[in-house]
Amino acid sequence: MNHELRPRVIVNFAMTADGKVSTRNWTPSGFGSRTDRQRLQEIRARGDALMVGRNTAEIDRMSMGISRLELRQARKTAGKPAEPLRVLVSGRGHLNPQMKIFSTMRSPLLIFTAATVSSSIRNAFPKSVVIHTLLGEAFSIQAILSILYCEYQVRTLVCEGGPTLMHALLEADAVAEINLTITPLIFGGYGAPSLSGLPGSFLARPLDFQLKSMDVNGGECFLTYERKQ
C-alpha cells in the first residue's frame, strides 16, 4: 500500500480559551454555540468522508451525519452522496453496537481497528458496516489514510477528533487545514486534553501552520489555519 497516496485532511475542533477540548473526565465536548454547530455542518459537507475516534463518537453520542437539508441537497447537486462516508477508528476494538452511530445509517460506516472483532459483535452491526482489521504494525494512521484514498476514493477527509487521533494525524504530518472555534470558557485541569492530546505527549517535531481567516461572533473566535509548505 502506498502511504504517499492519502486524502487532504481537514480537522475541526472547539476549544476553550485555555486550550482544552474536553474536561479531565472526557465529558461531552458540545460546549460550542449554535453558530459553531452550523459551521461544523458546513465543514462536514466538504468531506468525502468524516472520521472520528471511537471514544469521541461514544462520549459525544455522534451520528456523524449532516442534518441541514440544504447542505445534503448541495452535495447531491454536485454529484456526491447526500452524506459523507463515515469512518470510526478504534485501536482496541472496544465497539458497542448500542452506540448512536450505529442507529442512524444514512451513509456507510467503515471501522478501522487493530483488534479482532468477535463474530457475535460483527453480527450485531447493521449490514452497511465494514470492518478493516489491521493487526500489529499494519495498524497506523498512514495505512488508514491510504486505504481511504485508494479503495474508497476519499480525496477530502474531515476529522472531528478526538485528541488522540489528532495527535496521530499530526505525527504523520497529514493535516492540511485546522478549523478551530475558541470559546469563552476556562476548564483548567492538568489532565484535561488539549487539541493534540494529554500534557506531555509532545510531537516529534513542531509543525508550522499559517492563519488564513479569523471571525469573531458572539464571544467565539473562529480560526482557520493551513499547513505551511
Protein backbone atom coordinates (compact mmCIF):
# COMPACT_ATOMS: atom_id res chain seq x y z
CA MET A 1 0.00 0.00 0.00
CA ASN A 2 1.37 3.39 -0.99
CA HIS A 3 1.20 5.62 2.09
CA GLU A 4 2.03 8.68 0.00
CA LEU A 5 -1.44 8.47 -1.54
CA ARG A 6 -3.68 9.97 1.07
CA PRO A 7 -6.58 12.43 1.28
CA ARG A 8 -6.37 16.09 2.13
CA VAL A 9 -7.20 16.10 5.85
CA ILE A 10 -9.28 18.89 7.37
CA VAL A 11 -9.72 18.90 11.15
CA ASN A 12 -12.40 20.71 13.11
CA PHE A 13 -12.35 21.30 16.88
CA ALA A 14 -13.96 23.51 19.52
CA MET A 15 -11.54 24.56 22.26
CA THR A 16 -11.72 26.57 25.48
CA ALA A 17 -9.73 29.74 25.98
CA ASP A 18 -7.17 27.73 27.99
CA GLY A 19 -6.70 25.22 25.19
CA LYS A 20 -8.86 22.31 26.37
CA VAL A 21 -11.07 20.26 24.04
CA SER A 22 -12.71 18.38 26.92
CA THR A 23 -12.65 18.14 30.71
CA ARG A 24 -10.29 15.91 32.65
CA ASN A 25 -13.12 13.32 32.80
CA TRP A 26 -13.50 13.45 29.00
CA THR A 27 -17.11 14.61 29.26
CA PRO A 28 -19.10 15.50 26.10
CA SER A 29 -17.49 18.39 24.23
CA GLY A 30 -20.67 20.10 22.98
CA PHE A 31 -19.83 23.48 24.50
CA GLY A 32 -19.94 25.45 21.25
CA SER A 33 -22.72 27.81 20.23
CA ARG A 34 -25.39 27.43 17.55
CA THR A 35 -23.09 29.29 15.15
CA ASP A 36 -20.32 26.80 15.88
CA ARG A 37 -22.66 23.86 15.23
CA GLN A 38 -23.73 25.40 11.91
CA ARG A 39 -20.09 25.83 10.96
CA LEU A 40 -19.43 22.20 11.91
CA GLN A 41 -22.14 21.09 9.49
CA GLU A 42 -20.69 23.20 6.69
CA ILE A 43 -17.21 21.75 7.23
CA ARG A 44 -18.61 18.20 7.31
CA ALA A 45 -20.30 18.82 3.97
CA ARG A 46 -16.90 19.49 2.36
CA GLY A 47 -15.66 15.96 3.00
CA ASP A 48 -15.83 12.78 1.00
CA ALA A 49 -15.55 11.09 4.40
CA LEU A 50 -15.85 12.06 8.06
CA MET A 51 -13.54 10.40 10.63
CA VAL A 52 -13.61 10.24 14.43
CA GLY A 53 -12.09 8.11 17.16
CA ARG A 54 -14.31 5.57 18.90
CA ASN A 55 -14.06 7.27 22.30
CA THR A 56 -15.15 10.64 20.89
CA ALA A 57 -18.06 9.10 18.97
CA GLU A 58 -19.32 7.31 22.08
CA ILE A 59 -18.88 10.18 24.57
CA ASP A 60 -20.47 12.78 22.29
CA ARG A 61 -23.19 10.35 21.10
CA MET A 62 -22.37 11.16 17.49
CA SER A 63 -24.33 10.03 14.46
CA MET A 64 -21.74 11.72 12.18
CA GLY A 65 -24.40 12.97 9.80
CA ILE A 66 -25.41 16.17 8.05
CA SER A 67 -28.68 17.45 9.47
CA ARG A 68 -29.11 20.51 7.24
CA LEU A 69 -31.24 19.69 4.21
CA GLU A 70 -29.71 22.40 2.02
CA LEU A 71 -26.20 21.00 2.57
CA ARG A 72 -27.29 17.48 1.65
CA GLN A 73 -29.03 18.81 -1.46
CA ALA A 74 -25.95 20.83 -2.48
CA ARG A 75 -23.83 17.68 -2.25
CA LYS A 76 -26.30 15.77 -4.45
CA THR A 77 -26.35 18.62 -6.98
CA ALA A 78 -22.53 18.37 -7.12
CA GLY A 79 -22.80 14.66 -7.92
CA LYS A 80 -21.84 13.46 -4.44
CA PRO A 81 -23.73 11.27 -1.96
CA ALA A 82 -26.02 13.30 0.30
CA GLU A 83 -23.79 12.47 3.28
CA PRO A 84 -20.09 11.64 3.56
CA LEU A 85 -18.76 8.17 4.16
CA ARG A 86 -18.26 7.70 7.92
CA VAL A 87 -15.03 6.35 9.42
CA LEU A 88 -14.61 5.14 13.01
CA VAL A 89 -11.12 4.40 14.38
CA SER A 90 -10.86 2.01 17.34
CA GLY A 91 -7.39 0.68 18.03
CA ARG A 92 -8.50 -1.70 20.78
CA GLY A 93 -11.73 -2.76 19.10
CA HIS A 94 -13.95 -1.77 22.03
CA LEU A 95 -17.11 -1.44 19.97
CA ASN A 96 -20.56 -1.18 21.47
CA PRO A 97 -23.35 -1.98 18.97
CA GLN A 98 -25.65 0.27 21.06
CA MET A 99 -23.68 3.40 20.17
CA LYS A 100 -25.75 6.08 18.46
CA ILE A 101 -23.50 5.95 15.40
CA PHE A 102 -24.99 2.51 14.55
CA SER A 103 -28.61 3.59 14.95
CA THR A 104 -28.60 6.08 12.06
CA MET A 105 -27.26 4.54 8.84
CA ARG A 106 -27.90 7.19 6.18
CA SER A 107 -24.35 6.57 4.91
CA PRO A 108 -21.98 3.58 5.10
CA LEU A 109 -19.70 3.20 8.11
CA LEU A 110 -16.12 1.92 7.98
CA ILE A 111 -14.40 0.73 11.16
CA PHE A 112 -10.62 0.50 11.39
CA THR A 113 -9.28 -1.49 14.32
CA ALA A 114 -6.11 -3.24 15.46
CA ALA A 115 -8.07 -5.95 17.30
CA THR A 116 -10.05 -8.93 16.08
CA VAL A 117 -13.78 -8.28 16.45
CA SER A 118 -15.80 -11.31 17.52
CA SER A 119 -18.43 -12.70 15.19
CA SER A 120 -21.16 -12.01 17.77
CA ILE A 121 -20.28 -8.29 17.78
CA ARG A 122 -19.97 -8.21 13.97
CA ASN A 123 -23.40 -9.76 13.60
CA ALA A 124 -24.89 -7.10 15.87
CA PHE A 125 -23.85 -4.29 13.49
CA PRO A 126 -26.04 -3.08 10.59
CA LYS A 127 -25.18 -4.64 7.22
CA SER A 128 -23.60 -1.43 5.85
CA VAL A 129 -20.82 -1.53 8.47
CA VAL A 130 -17.47 -2.63 7.02
CA ILE A 131 -14.66 -3.62 9.40
CA HIS A 132 -11.00 -3.30 8.41
CA THR A 133 -8.76 -5.19 10.84
CA LEU A 134 -5.12 -4.11 10.65
CA LEU A 135 -3.08 -6.24 13.03
CA GLY A 136 0.23 -5.33 14.62
CA GLU A 137 2.36 -2.79 12.75
CA ALA A 138 -0.15 -2.77 9.90
CA PHE A 139 -2.37 -0.54 12.06
CA SER A 140 -1.30 3.06 11.53
CA ILE A 141 -2.87 6.33 10.54
CA GLN A 142 -0.84 6.23 7.32
CA ALA A 143 -2.34 2.85 6.40
CA ILE A 144 -5.88 4.05 7.17
CA LEU A 145 -5.46 7.16 5.04
CA SER A 146 -4.02 5.14 2.18
CA ILE A 147 -6.92 2.65 2.23
CA LEU A 148 -9.43 5.50 2.24
CA TYR A 149 -7.69 7.12 -0.73
CA CYS A 150 -7.07 4.02 -2.83
CA GLU A 151 -10.07 1.79 -2.04
CA TYR A 152 -12.77 4.36 -1.30
CA GLN A 153 -11.65 7.30 -3.46
CA VAL A 154 -11.66 9.68 -0.49
CA ARG A 155 -9.90 12.86 -1.57
CA THR A 156 -11.04 15.15 1.26
CA LEU A 157 -11.28 13.75 4.79
CA VAL A 158 -12.80 15.72 7.68
CA CYS A 159 -11.67 14.70 11.18
CA GLU A 160 -13.51 15.81 14.33
CA GLY A 161 -11.25 14.19 16.91
CA GLY A 162 -10.58 13.19 19.40
CA PRO A 163 -7.21 14.48 20.53
CA THR A 164 -5.54 11.05 20.35
CA LEU A 165 -6.49 10.70 16.70
CA MET A 166 -5.45 14.30 16.07
CA HIS A 167 -2.05 13.56 17.63
CA ALA A 168 -1.58 10.62 15.25
CA LEU A 169 -2.51 12.75 12.25
CA LEU A 170 -0.05 15.45 13.28
CA GLU A 171 2.73 12.90 13.86
CA ALA A 172 2.16 11.72 10.29
CA ASP A 173 2.14 15.35 9.07
CA ALA A 174 -1.19 14.57 7.43
CA VAL A 175 -3.17 17.66 8.49
CA ALA A 176 -3.64 20.24 5.73
CA GLU A 177 -6.19 22.51 7.43
CA ILE A 178 -7.27 23.20 11.02
CA ASN A 179 -10.62 24.80 11.82
CA LEU A 180 -10.73 25.92 15.41
CA THR A 181 -13.51 27.50 17.46
CA ILE A 182 -12.20 29.18 20.61
CA THR A 183 -14.97 29.55 23.18
CA PRO A 184 -15.01 32.00 26.13
CA LEU A 185 -14.67 29.23 28.73
CA ILE A 186 -11.92 28.09 31.09
CA PHE A 187 -11.81 24.42 32.09
CA GLY A 188 -8.41 24.16 33.78
CA GLY A 189 -7.03 20.84 34.96
CA TYR A 190 -3.69 19.23 34.13
CA GLY A 191 -5.43 16.05 32.99
CA ALA A 192 -7.80 17.75 30.55
CA PRO A 193 -6.83 17.02 26.93
CA SER A 194 -5.71 19.72 24.54
CA LEU A 195 -6.00 19.75 20.76
CA SER A 196 -3.16 17.25 20.32
CA GLY A 197 -3.66 15.05 23.38
CA LEU A 198 -2.73 14.99 27.03
CA PRO A 199 0.00 17.18 28.58
CA GLY A 200 3.45 15.76 27.94
CA SER A 201 2.54 13.96 24.70
CA PHE A 202 4.85 16.09 22.58
CA LEU A 203 5.12 15.75 18.82
CA ALA A 204 8.38 14.50 17.37
CA ARG A 205 8.80 17.90 15.71
CA PRO A 206 6.85 21.16 15.55
CA LEU A 207 4.60 21.77 12.55
CA ASP A 208 4.13 25.23 11.03
CA PHE A 209 0.66 26.48 10.14
CA GLN A 210 -0.40 29.87 8.84
CA LEU A 211 -3.58 31.72 9.72
CA LYS A 212 -5.92 32.01 6.73
CA SER A 213 -9.02 33.53 8.31
CA MET A 214 -10.45 34.76 11.61
CA ASP A 215 -14.01 35.69 12.53
CA VAL A 216 -15.36 36.79 15.92
CA ASN A 217 -19.03 36.20 16.60
CA GLY A 218 -20.95 36.19 19.87
CA GLY A 219 -17.84 35.85 22.01
CA GLU A 220 -16.41 32.97 19.98
CA CYS A 221 -13.41 33.19 17.69
CA PHE A 222 -13.42 31.07 14.52
CA LEU A 223 -9.97 30.41 13.11
CA THR A 224 -8.75 28.57 10.01
CA TYR A 225 -5.10 27.55 9.66
CA GLU A 226 -3.36 25.92 6.70
CA ARG A 227 -0.20 23.84 6.83
CA LYS A 228 2.83 25.74 5.61
CA GLN A 229 4.51 24.04 2.68
